[in-house]
Amino acid sequence: KNFEELVVSDIDKDVLQKIISKLSESQKSRVKTRVFDITKKFPFKEKSFGGVFCTGTIHLFSKETIEKILDEIGRILKPKGKIIFDFATDITRTDVNGKNVRLKNTNHYTTGEAKGFLTNLLKNYKLRIYKSTFIDDLRKEQKYGFITRGNFLLFVAEKKEN
């Protein structure tokens, strides 16, 4: 309701179509979609965005890839632009029998580790970090079949003018 122009992006075109389908006609006219891989150079000009909101993604990557992603976000942000993103930590997954489940090709960060390296990567930002916990019961979903628990860090960072 409260935006002039919004760019919604994902690597999956179908996800973007689902998001667009939930918007009103007046909102759709102010929304652009871009399909791209956030681990590569972003298809946007330098200092072209007032803010970036990223959810459910960054914690999935290695520290090196996260650094590249945050560098690209910094490149496209205007001075005083904001980054808001979540970061799941201390994740545990248990199946219906209470047995631990470990997903292949996923990164696992502790809260302290994530706060430390992300604070360092965001040293050119005014930073606030909020922490909560989460539980997702995915036992009935065929693709997953487990309960996920962990901590949830929300980073709100404003780019310094320099």
N, C-alpha and C. Protein backbone atom coordinates (compact mmCIF):
# COMPACT_ATOMS: atom_id res chain seq x y z
N LYS A 1 0.81 -1.21 0.00
CA LYS A 1 0.00 0.00 0.00
C LYS A 1 0.85 1.26 0.00
N ASN A 2 2.02 1.18 0.63
CA ASN A 2 2.82 2.39 0.85
C ASN A 2 4.11 2.44 0.05
N PHE A 3 4.04 2.11 -1.23
CA PHE A 3 5.25 2.21 -2.04
C PHE A 3 4.94 2.89 -3.37
N GLU A 4 5.94 3.59 -3.87
CA GLU A 4 5.81 4.23 -5.18
C GLU A 4 6.17 3.27 -6.29
N GLU A 5 7.32 2.60 -6.10
CA GLU A 5 7.80 1.64 -7.09
C GLU A 5 8.52 0.53 -6.35
N LEU A 6 8.32 -0.69 -6.81
CA LEU A 6 8.89 -1.86 -6.15
C LEU A 6 9.39 -2.82 -7.20
N VAL A 7 10.60 -3.36 -6.98
CA VAL A 7 11.13 -4.41 -7.83
C VAL A 7 11.16 -5.68 -6.99
N VAL A 8 10.47 -6.70 -7.46
CA VAL A 8 10.42 -7.98 -6.77
C VAL A 8 11.27 -8.95 -7.59
N SER A 9 12.18 -9.63 -6.91
CA SER A 9 13.08 -10.51 -7.66
C SER A 9 13.20 -11.88 -7.00
N ASP A 10 13.51 -12.86 -7.83
CA ASP A 10 13.75 -14.22 -7.38
C ASP A 10 14.44 -14.94 -8.53
N ILE A 11 15.04 -16.06 -8.23
CA ILE A 11 15.66 -16.87 -9.28
C ILE A 11 14.59 -17.70 -10.00
N ASP A 12 13.41 -17.82 -9.40
CA ASP A 12 12.32 -18.64 -9.92
C ASP A 12 11.17 -17.76 -10.42
N LYS A 13 10.94 -17.79 -11.72
CA LYS A 13 9.88 -16.99 -12.35
C LYS A 13 8.50 -17.31 -11.77
N ASP A 14 8.25 -18.59 -11.43
CA ASP A 14 6.95 -18.98 -10.91
C ASP A 14 6.66 -18.34 -9.55
N VAL A 15 7.69 -18.18 -8.72
CA VAL A 15 7.52 -17.51 -7.43
C VAL A 15 7.08 -16.07 -7.65
N LEU A 16 7.69 -15.41 -8.60
CA LEU A 16 7.34 -14.03 -8.89
C LEU A 16 5.89 -13.91 -9.39
N GLN A 17 5.47 -14.85 -10.21
CA GLN A 17 4.10 -14.84 -10.70
C GLN A 17 3.10 -15.01 -9.56
N LYS A 18 3.43 -15.85 -8.58
CA LYS A 18 2.54 -16.03 -7.41
C LYS A 18 2.42 -14.74 -6.62
N ILE A 19 3.53 -14.05 -6.45
CA ILE A 19 3.52 -12.78 -5.71
C ILE A 19 2.67 -11.76 -6.45
N ILE A 20 2.88 -11.61 -7.73
CA ILE A 20 2.14 -10.64 -8.53
C ILE A 20 0.64 -10.94 -8.50
N SER A 21 0.28 -12.21 -8.51
CA SER A 21 -1.15 -12.59 -8.53
C SER A 21 -1.88 -12.15 -7.26
N LYS A 22 -1.15 -11.88 -6.19
CA LYS A 22 -1.77 -11.47 -4.93
C LYS A 22 -1.93 -9.95 -4.79
N LEU A 23 -1.43 -9.20 -5.77
CA LEU A 23 -1.48 -7.75 -5.70
C LEU A 23 -2.76 -7.19 -6.33
N SER A 24 -3.16 -6.04 -5.85
CA SER A 24 -4.29 -5.33 -6.48
C SER A 24 -3.83 -4.76 -7.81
N GLU A 25 -4.77 -4.36 -8.65
CA GLU A 25 -4.41 -3.80 -9.96
C GLU A 25 -3.56 -2.54 -9.81
N SER A 26 -3.91 -1.69 -8.82
CA SER A 26 -3.13 -0.46 -8.64
C SER A 26 -1.71 -0.77 -8.15
N GLN A 27 -1.56 -1.82 -7.36
CA GLN A 27 -0.22 -2.22 -6.92
C GLN A 27 0.59 -2.81 -8.08
N LYS A 28 -0.06 -3.62 -8.90
CA LYS A 28 0.64 -4.25 -10.03
C LYS A 28 1.28 -3.21 -10.95
N SER A 29 0.63 -2.07 -11.10
CA SER A 29 1.17 -1.05 -11.99
C SER A 29 2.46 -0.43 -11.45
N ARG A 30 2.72 -0.61 -10.15
CA ARG A 30 3.91 -0.04 -9.54
C ARG A 30 4.99 -1.08 -9.25
N VAL A 31 4.75 -2.33 -9.67
CA VAL A 31 5.68 -3.42 -9.37
C VAL A 31 6.31 -3.94 -10.66
N LYS A 32 7.63 -4.08 -10.61
CA LYS A 32 8.38 -4.70 -11.70
C LYS A 32 8.97 -6.00 -11.15
N THR A 33 9.12 -6.98 -12.00
CA THR A 33 9.75 -8.24 -11.58
C THR A 33 11.05 -8.43 -12.34
N ARG A 34 12.02 -9.04 -11.67
CA ARG A 34 13.31 -9.37 -12.28
C ARG A 34 13.72 -10.76 -11.81
N VAL A 35 13.96 -11.62 -12.76
CA VAL A 35 14.48 -12.96 -12.46
C VAL A 35 16.00 -12.87 -12.55
N PHE A 36 16.67 -13.18 -11.43
CA PHE A 36 18.13 -13.23 -11.47
C PHE A 36 18.66 -14.00 -10.27
N ASP A 37 19.91 -14.37 -10.37
CA ASP A 37 20.61 -15.14 -9.36
C ASP A 37 21.38 -14.16 -8.46
N ILE A 38 21.02 -14.10 -7.16
CA ILE A 38 21.66 -13.12 -6.28
C ILE A 38 23.13 -13.42 -5.99
N THR A 39 23.59 -14.59 -6.41
CA THR A 39 25.01 -14.89 -6.21
C THR A 39 25.88 -14.33 -7.34
N LYS A 40 25.23 -13.71 -8.31
CA LYS A 40 25.94 -13.09 -9.44
C LYS A 40 25.74 -11.57 -9.38
N LYS A 41 26.41 -10.84 -10.28
CA LYS A 41 26.26 -9.40 -10.33
C LYS A 41 24.78 -9.05 -10.57
N PHE A 42 24.26 -8.12 -9.76
CA PHE A 42 22.86 -7.73 -9.88
C PHE A 42 22.65 -6.91 -11.16
N PRO A 43 21.51 -7.08 -11.82
CA PRO A 43 21.25 -6.37 -13.07
C PRO A 43 20.67 -4.96 -12.85
N PHE A 44 21.28 -4.22 -11.94
CA PHE A 44 20.80 -2.88 -11.61
C PHE A 44 21.97 -1.90 -11.56
N LYS A 45 21.66 -0.64 -11.80
CA LYS A 45 22.68 0.40 -11.78
C LYS A 45 23.13 0.69 -10.34
N GLU A 46 24.33 1.19 -10.23
CA GLU A 46 24.89 1.62 -8.95
C GLU A 46 24.00 2.72 -8.34
N LYS A 47 23.81 2.63 -7.02
CA LYS A 47 23.04 3.64 -6.26
C LYS A 47 21.66 3.90 -6.84
N SER A 48 20.95 2.82 -7.18
CA SER A 48 19.64 2.97 -7.81
C SER A 48 18.46 2.62 -6.90
N PHE A 49 18.73 2.13 -5.67
CA PHE A 49 17.65 1.71 -4.78
C PHE A 49 17.73 2.41 -3.43
N GLY A 50 16.57 2.74 -2.90
CA GLY A 50 16.49 3.32 -1.56
C GLY A 50 16.45 2.27 -0.48
N GLY A 51 16.12 1.04 -0.85
CA GLY A 51 16.07 -0.03 0.13
C GLY A 51 16.04 -1.40 -0.52
N VAL A 52 16.50 -2.39 0.24
CA VAL A 52 16.48 -3.79 -0.20
C VAL A 52 15.97 -4.61 0.97
N PHE A 53 14.97 -5.45 0.69
CA PHE A 53 14.41 -6.36 1.68
C PHE A 53 14.62 -7.77 1.16
N CYS A 54 15.26 -8.61 1.96
CA CYS A 54 15.59 -9.97 1.53
C CYS A 54 15.21 -10.93 2.65
N THR A 55 14.39 -11.91 2.32
CA THR A 55 13.92 -12.83 3.35
C THR A 55 14.09 -14.29 2.95
N GLY A 56 14.45 -15.11 3.93
CA GLY A 56 14.51 -16.55 3.75
C GLY A 56 15.61 -17.05 2.84
N THR A 57 16.67 -16.27 2.65
CA THR A 57 17.65 -16.64 1.64
C THR A 57 19.10 -16.59 2.10
N ILE A 58 19.52 -15.49 2.67
CA ILE A 58 20.96 -15.24 2.84
C ILE A 58 21.65 -16.31 3.70
N HIS A 59 20.98 -16.84 4.71
CA HIS A 59 21.60 -17.84 5.58
C HIS A 59 21.93 -19.15 4.86
N LEU A 60 21.40 -19.32 3.66
CA LEU A 60 21.63 -20.56 2.92
C LEU A 60 23.02 -20.64 2.29
N PHE A 61 23.72 -19.51 2.23
CA PHE A 61 24.97 -19.43 1.48
C PHE A 61 26.21 -19.48 2.38
N SER A 62 27.34 -19.72 1.73
CA SER A 62 28.63 -19.69 2.42
C SER A 62 28.96 -18.24 2.78
N LYS A 63 29.90 -18.07 3.70
CA LYS A 63 30.33 -16.72 4.09
C LYS A 63 30.84 -15.93 2.89
N GLU A 64 31.59 -16.59 2.02
CA GLU A 64 32.15 -15.92 0.85
C GLU A 64 31.04 -15.41 -0.07
N THR A 65 30.02 -16.23 -0.28
CA THR A 65 28.90 -15.83 -1.14
C THR A 65 28.08 -14.73 -0.48
N ILE A 66 27.89 -14.82 0.83
CA ILE A 66 27.16 -13.77 1.55
C ILE A 66 27.88 -12.44 1.41
N GLU A 67 29.20 -12.47 1.50
CA GLU A 67 29.97 -11.23 1.33
C GLU A 67 29.73 -10.64 -0.05
N LYS A 68 29.73 -11.47 -1.09
CA LYS A 68 29.47 -10.99 -2.46
C LYS A 68 28.06 -10.40 -2.58
N ILE A 69 27.09 -11.07 -1.99
CA ILE A 69 25.70 -10.59 -2.04
C ILE A 69 25.58 -9.24 -1.36
N LEU A 70 26.15 -9.12 -0.16
CA LEU A 70 26.06 -7.84 0.56
C LEU A 70 26.84 -6.73 -0.15
N ASP A 71 27.94 -7.08 -0.81
CA ASP A 71 28.67 -6.09 -1.61
C ASP A 71 27.80 -5.58 -2.76
N GLU A 72 27.09 -6.49 -3.42
CA GLU A 72 26.21 -6.10 -4.53
C GLU A 72 25.04 -5.24 -4.02
N ILE A 73 24.48 -5.62 -2.89
CA ILE A 73 23.41 -4.80 -2.31
C ILE A 73 23.95 -3.41 -2.00
N GLY A 74 25.14 -3.34 -1.42
CA GLY A 74 25.77 -2.05 -1.12
C GLY A 74 26.01 -1.23 -2.38
N ARG A 75 26.35 -1.88 -3.46
CA ARG A 75 26.61 -1.20 -4.73
C ARG A 75 25.33 -0.54 -5.27
N ILE A 76 24.20 -1.22 -5.18
CA ILE A 76 22.97 -0.69 -5.76
C ILE A 76 22.21 0.24 -4.81
N LEU A 77 22.60 0.27 -3.52
CA LEU A 77 21.94 1.15 -2.55
C LEU A 77 22.41 2.59 -2.66
N LYS A 78 21.47 3.49 -2.54
CA LYS A 78 21.79 4.91 -2.44
C LYS A 78 22.36 5.18 -1.05
N PRO A 79 23.11 6.27 -0.87
CA PRO A 79 23.51 6.65 0.49
C PRO A 79 22.26 6.79 1.37
N LYS A 80 22.36 6.32 2.58
CA LYS A 80 21.26 6.27 3.55
C LYS A 80 20.19 5.26 3.18
N GLY A 81 20.44 4.45 2.15
CA GLY A 81 19.52 3.36 1.80
C GLY A 81 19.58 2.28 2.86
N LYS A 82 18.52 1.49 2.95
CA LYS A 82 18.45 0.46 3.99
C LYS A 82 18.43 -0.94 3.41
N ILE A 83 19.09 -1.83 4.13
CA ILE A 83 19.01 -3.27 3.89
C ILE A 83 18.26 -3.85 5.09
N ILE A 84 17.26 -4.64 4.81
CA ILE A 84 16.57 -5.39 5.86
C ILE A 84 16.58 -6.84 5.42
N PHE A 85 17.16 -7.71 6.25
CA PHE A 85 17.17 -9.13 5.90
C PHE A 85 17.14 -9.98 7.15
N ASP A 86 16.61 -11.19 6.97
CA ASP A 86 16.59 -12.14 8.08
C ASP A 86 17.70 -13.17 7.88
N PHE A 87 18.05 -13.82 8.98
CA PHE A 87 19.13 -14.79 8.95
C PHE A 87 18.83 -15.85 10.01
N ALA A 88 18.56 -17.07 9.58
CA ALA A 88 18.26 -18.16 10.50
C ALA A 88 19.56 -18.75 11.04
N THR A 89 19.60 -19.01 12.35
CA THR A 89 20.79 -19.57 13.00
C THR A 89 20.39 -20.71 13.93
N ASP A 90 21.39 -21.46 14.36
CA ASP A 90 21.20 -22.56 15.32
C ASP A 90 20.04 -23.47 14.89
N ILE A 91 19.98 -23.77 13.61
CA ILE A 91 18.87 -24.55 13.05
C ILE A 91 19.02 -26.02 13.40
N THR A 92 17.93 -26.61 13.89
CA THR A 92 17.86 -28.07 14.07
C THR A 92 16.60 -28.56 13.36
N ARG A 93 16.69 -29.75 12.81
CA ARG A 93 15.55 -30.37 12.15
C ARG A 93 15.38 -31.76 12.72
N THR A 94 14.13 -32.10 13.09
CA THR A 94 13.86 -33.43 13.63
C THR A 94 12.68 -34.04 12.88
N ASP A 95 12.79 -35.35 12.62
CA ASP A 95 11.70 -36.04 11.92
C ASP A 95 10.62 -36.47 12.90
N VAL A 96 9.63 -37.21 12.42
CA VAL A 96 8.49 -37.62 13.26
C VAL A 96 8.90 -38.49 14.43
N ASN A 97 10.07 -39.13 14.33
CA ASN A 97 10.57 -39.99 15.41
C ASN A 97 11.53 -39.25 16.35
N GLY A 98 11.72 -37.96 16.13
CA GLY A 98 12.62 -37.18 16.97
C GLY A 98 14.08 -37.29 16.56
N LYS A 99 14.34 -37.95 15.43
CA LYS A 99 15.71 -38.12 14.94
C LYS A 99 16.14 -36.87 14.18
N ASN A 100 17.41 -36.45 14.41
CA ASN A 100 17.93 -35.27 13.73
C ASN A 100 18.03 -35.51 12.23
N VAL A 101 17.68 -34.48 11.48
CA VAL A 101 17.75 -34.51 10.02
C VAL A 101 18.78 -33.47 9.60
N ARG A 102 19.70 -33.86 8.74
CA ARG A 102 20.71 -32.92 8.22
C ARG A 102 20.53 -32.83 6.71
N LEU A 103 20.27 -31.63 6.22
CA LEU A 103 20.09 -31.44 4.79
C LEU A 103 21.45 -31.28 4.12
N LYS A 104 21.59 -31.87 2.95
CA LYS A 104 22.84 -31.75 2.19
C LYS A 104 22.96 -30.35 1.61
N ASN A 105 24.18 -29.92 1.45
CA ASN A 105 24.49 -28.64 0.80
C ASN A 105 23.83 -27.44 1.47
N THR A 106 23.70 -27.49 2.78
CA THR A 106 23.20 -26.32 3.51
C THR A 106 24.25 -25.86 4.50
N ASN A 107 24.27 -24.58 4.75
CA ASN A 107 25.20 -24.02 5.71
C ASN A 107 24.47 -23.88 7.05
N HIS A 108 25.22 -24.03 8.13
CA HIS A 108 24.66 -23.90 9.47
C HIS A 108 25.51 -22.90 10.24
N TYR A 109 24.86 -21.88 10.74
CA TYR A 109 25.55 -20.83 11.49
C TYR A 109 24.99 -20.76 12.91
N THR A 110 25.88 -20.51 13.87
CA THR A 110 25.42 -20.22 15.22
C THR A 110 25.05 -18.74 15.27
N THR A 111 24.28 -18.37 16.27
CA THR A 111 23.89 -16.97 16.41
C THR A 111 25.11 -16.08 16.58
N GLY A 112 26.04 -16.47 17.44
CA GLY A 112 27.24 -15.67 17.68
C GLY A 112 28.09 -15.52 16.44
N GLU A 113 28.25 -16.62 15.71
CA GLU A 113 29.05 -16.60 14.48
C GLU A 113 28.41 -15.66 13.46
N ALA A 114 27.10 -15.78 13.26
CA ALA A 114 26.41 -14.94 12.28
C ALA A 114 26.47 -13.47 12.66
N LYS A 115 26.21 -13.17 13.92
CA LYS A 115 26.28 -11.76 14.37
C LYS A 115 27.68 -11.20 14.13
N GLY A 116 28.69 -12.00 14.44
CA GLY A 116 30.07 -11.54 14.30
C GLY A 116 30.45 -11.23 12.87
N PHE A 117 30.27 -12.19 11.97
CA PHE A 117 30.75 -11.94 10.61
C PHE A 117 29.84 -10.98 9.85
N LEU A 118 28.54 -10.97 10.13
CA LEU A 118 27.66 -10.02 9.44
C LEU A 118 27.86 -8.59 9.94
N THR A 119 28.10 -8.43 11.23
CA THR A 119 28.40 -7.10 11.77
C THR A 119 29.66 -6.55 11.11
N ASN A 120 30.65 -7.42 10.92
CA ASN A 120 31.89 -7.00 10.26
C ASN A 120 31.64 -6.61 8.80
N LEU A 121 30.83 -7.41 8.09
CA LEU A 121 30.54 -7.10 6.69
C LEU A 121 29.72 -5.81 6.55
N LEU A 122 28.96 -5.48 7.59
CA LEU A 122 28.11 -4.29 7.54
C LEU A 122 28.69 -3.13 8.34
N LYS A 123 30.01 -3.06 8.42
CA LYS A 123 30.66 -2.01 9.23
C LYS A 123 30.44 -0.61 8.66
N ASN A 124 30.05 -0.49 7.40
CA ASN A 124 29.77 0.82 6.81
C ASN A 124 28.28 1.18 6.87
N TYR A 125 27.59 0.57 7.81
CA TYR A 125 26.16 0.79 7.97
C TYR A 125 25.86 1.07 9.44
N LYS A 126 24.81 1.84 9.68
CA LYS A 126 24.24 1.93 11.03
C LYS A 126 23.40 0.67 11.17
N LEU A 127 23.68 -0.11 12.20
CA LEU A 127 23.13 -1.46 12.27
C LEU A 127 22.31 -1.69 13.53
N ARG A 128 21.16 -2.33 13.35
CA ARG A 128 20.35 -2.84 14.46
C ARG A 128 20.07 -4.31 14.17
N ILE A 129 20.14 -5.13 15.23
CA ILE A 129 19.89 -6.56 15.09
C ILE A 129 18.84 -6.95 16.11
N TYR A 130 17.83 -7.67 15.65
CA TYR A 130 16.77 -8.17 16.53
C TYR A 130 16.79 -9.69 16.47
N LYS A 131 16.51 -10.32 17.61
CA LYS A 131 16.57 -11.78 17.67
C LYS A 131 15.24 -12.34 18.18
N SER A 132 14.81 -13.43 17.56
CA SER A 132 13.66 -14.18 18.05
C SER A 132 13.91 -15.66 17.75
N THR A 133 12.96 -16.49 18.08
CA THR A 133 13.07 -17.92 17.80
C THR A 133 11.94 -18.32 16.86
N PHE A 134 12.09 -19.47 16.22
CA PHE A 134 11.03 -19.95 15.33
C PHE A 134 10.91 -21.46 15.41
N ILE A 135 9.73 -21.95 15.08
CA ILE A 135 9.45 -23.38 14.90
C ILE A 135 8.57 -23.50 13.67
N ASP A 136 9.00 -24.29 12.70
CA ASP A 136 8.21 -24.58 11.50
C ASP A 136 7.92 -26.07 11.47
N ASP A 137 6.65 -26.43 11.55
CA ASP A 137 6.27 -27.83 11.48
C ASP A 137 5.98 -28.20 10.03
N LEU A 138 6.93 -28.88 9.42
CA LEU A 138 6.82 -29.27 8.02
C LEU A 138 6.64 -30.78 7.86
N ARG A 139 6.19 -31.44 8.95
CA ARG A 139 6.07 -32.90 8.90
C ARG A 139 5.04 -33.38 7.89
N LYS A 140 4.00 -32.60 7.64
CA LYS A 140 2.95 -33.04 6.71
C LYS A 140 3.26 -32.70 5.26
N GLU A 141 4.33 -31.97 5.04
CA GLU A 141 4.71 -31.63 3.67
C GLU A 141 5.64 -32.70 3.13
N GLN A 142 5.22 -33.34 2.07
CA GLN A 142 5.94 -34.48 1.52
C GLN A 142 7.40 -34.16 1.20
N LYS A 143 7.65 -32.96 0.73
CA LYS A 143 9.02 -32.57 0.35
C LYS A 143 9.95 -32.51 1.56
N TYR A 144 9.39 -32.26 2.76
CA TYR A 144 10.23 -32.05 3.94
C TYR A 144 10.06 -33.15 5.00
N GLY A 145 8.95 -33.15 5.69
CA GLY A 145 8.69 -34.20 6.68
C GLY A 145 9.43 -34.04 8.00
N PHE A 146 9.70 -32.81 8.42
CA PHE A 146 10.39 -32.59 9.68
C PHE A 146 9.95 -31.29 10.32
N ILE A 147 10.38 -31.11 11.57
CA ILE A 147 10.16 -29.85 12.29
C ILE A 147 11.50 -29.11 12.31
N THR A 148 11.46 -27.84 11.97
CA THR A 148 12.66 -27.00 12.00
C THR A 148 12.54 -26.01 13.14
N ARG A 149 13.61 -25.89 13.93
CA ARG A 149 13.66 -24.93 15.03
C ARG A 149 14.95 -24.14 14.91
N GLY A 150 14.93 -22.92 15.45
CA GLY A 150 16.15 -22.15 15.45
C GLY A 150 15.94 -20.74 15.93
N ASN A 151 16.96 -19.95 15.76
CA ASN A 151 16.90 -18.52 16.07
C ASN A 151 16.75 -17.76 14.77
N PHE A 152 16.21 -16.60 14.91
CA PHE A 152 15.92 -15.76 13.76
C PHE A 152 16.48 -14.39 14.05
N LEU A 153 17.46 -13.97 13.25
CA LEU A 153 18.04 -12.64 13.41
C LEU A 153 17.49 -11.74 12.31
N LEU A 154 17.07 -10.55 12.68
CA LEU A 154 16.61 -9.56 11.71
C LEU A 154 17.63 -8.43 11.72
N PHE A 155 18.24 -8.17 10.57
CA PHE A 155 19.23 -7.11 10.43
C PHE A 155 18.58 -5.92 9.73
N VAL A 156 18.70 -4.76 10.34
CA VAL A 156 18.23 -3.51 9.75
C VAL A 156 19.47 -2.61 9.68
N ALA A 157 19.91 -2.33 8.46
CA ALA A 157 21.16 -1.60 8.27
C ALA A 157 20.95 -0.41 7.34
N GLU A 158 21.40 0.76 7.77
CA GLU A 158 21.32 1.96 6.93
C GLU A 158 22.72 2.31 6.46
N LYS A 159 22.85 2.42 5.15
CA LYS A 159 24.15 2.73 4.53
C LYS A 159 24.59 4.14 4.92
N LYS A 160 25.83 4.22 5.37
CA LYS A 160 26.37 5.54 5.72
C LYS A 160 26.59 6.34 4.44
N GLU A 161 26.62 7.66 4.55
CA GLU A 161 26.68 8.51 3.36
C GLU A 161 27.97 8.35 2.57
N ASN A 162 29.02 7.94 3.18
CA ASN A 162 30.29 7.84 2.48
C ASN A 162 30.46 6.51 1.87
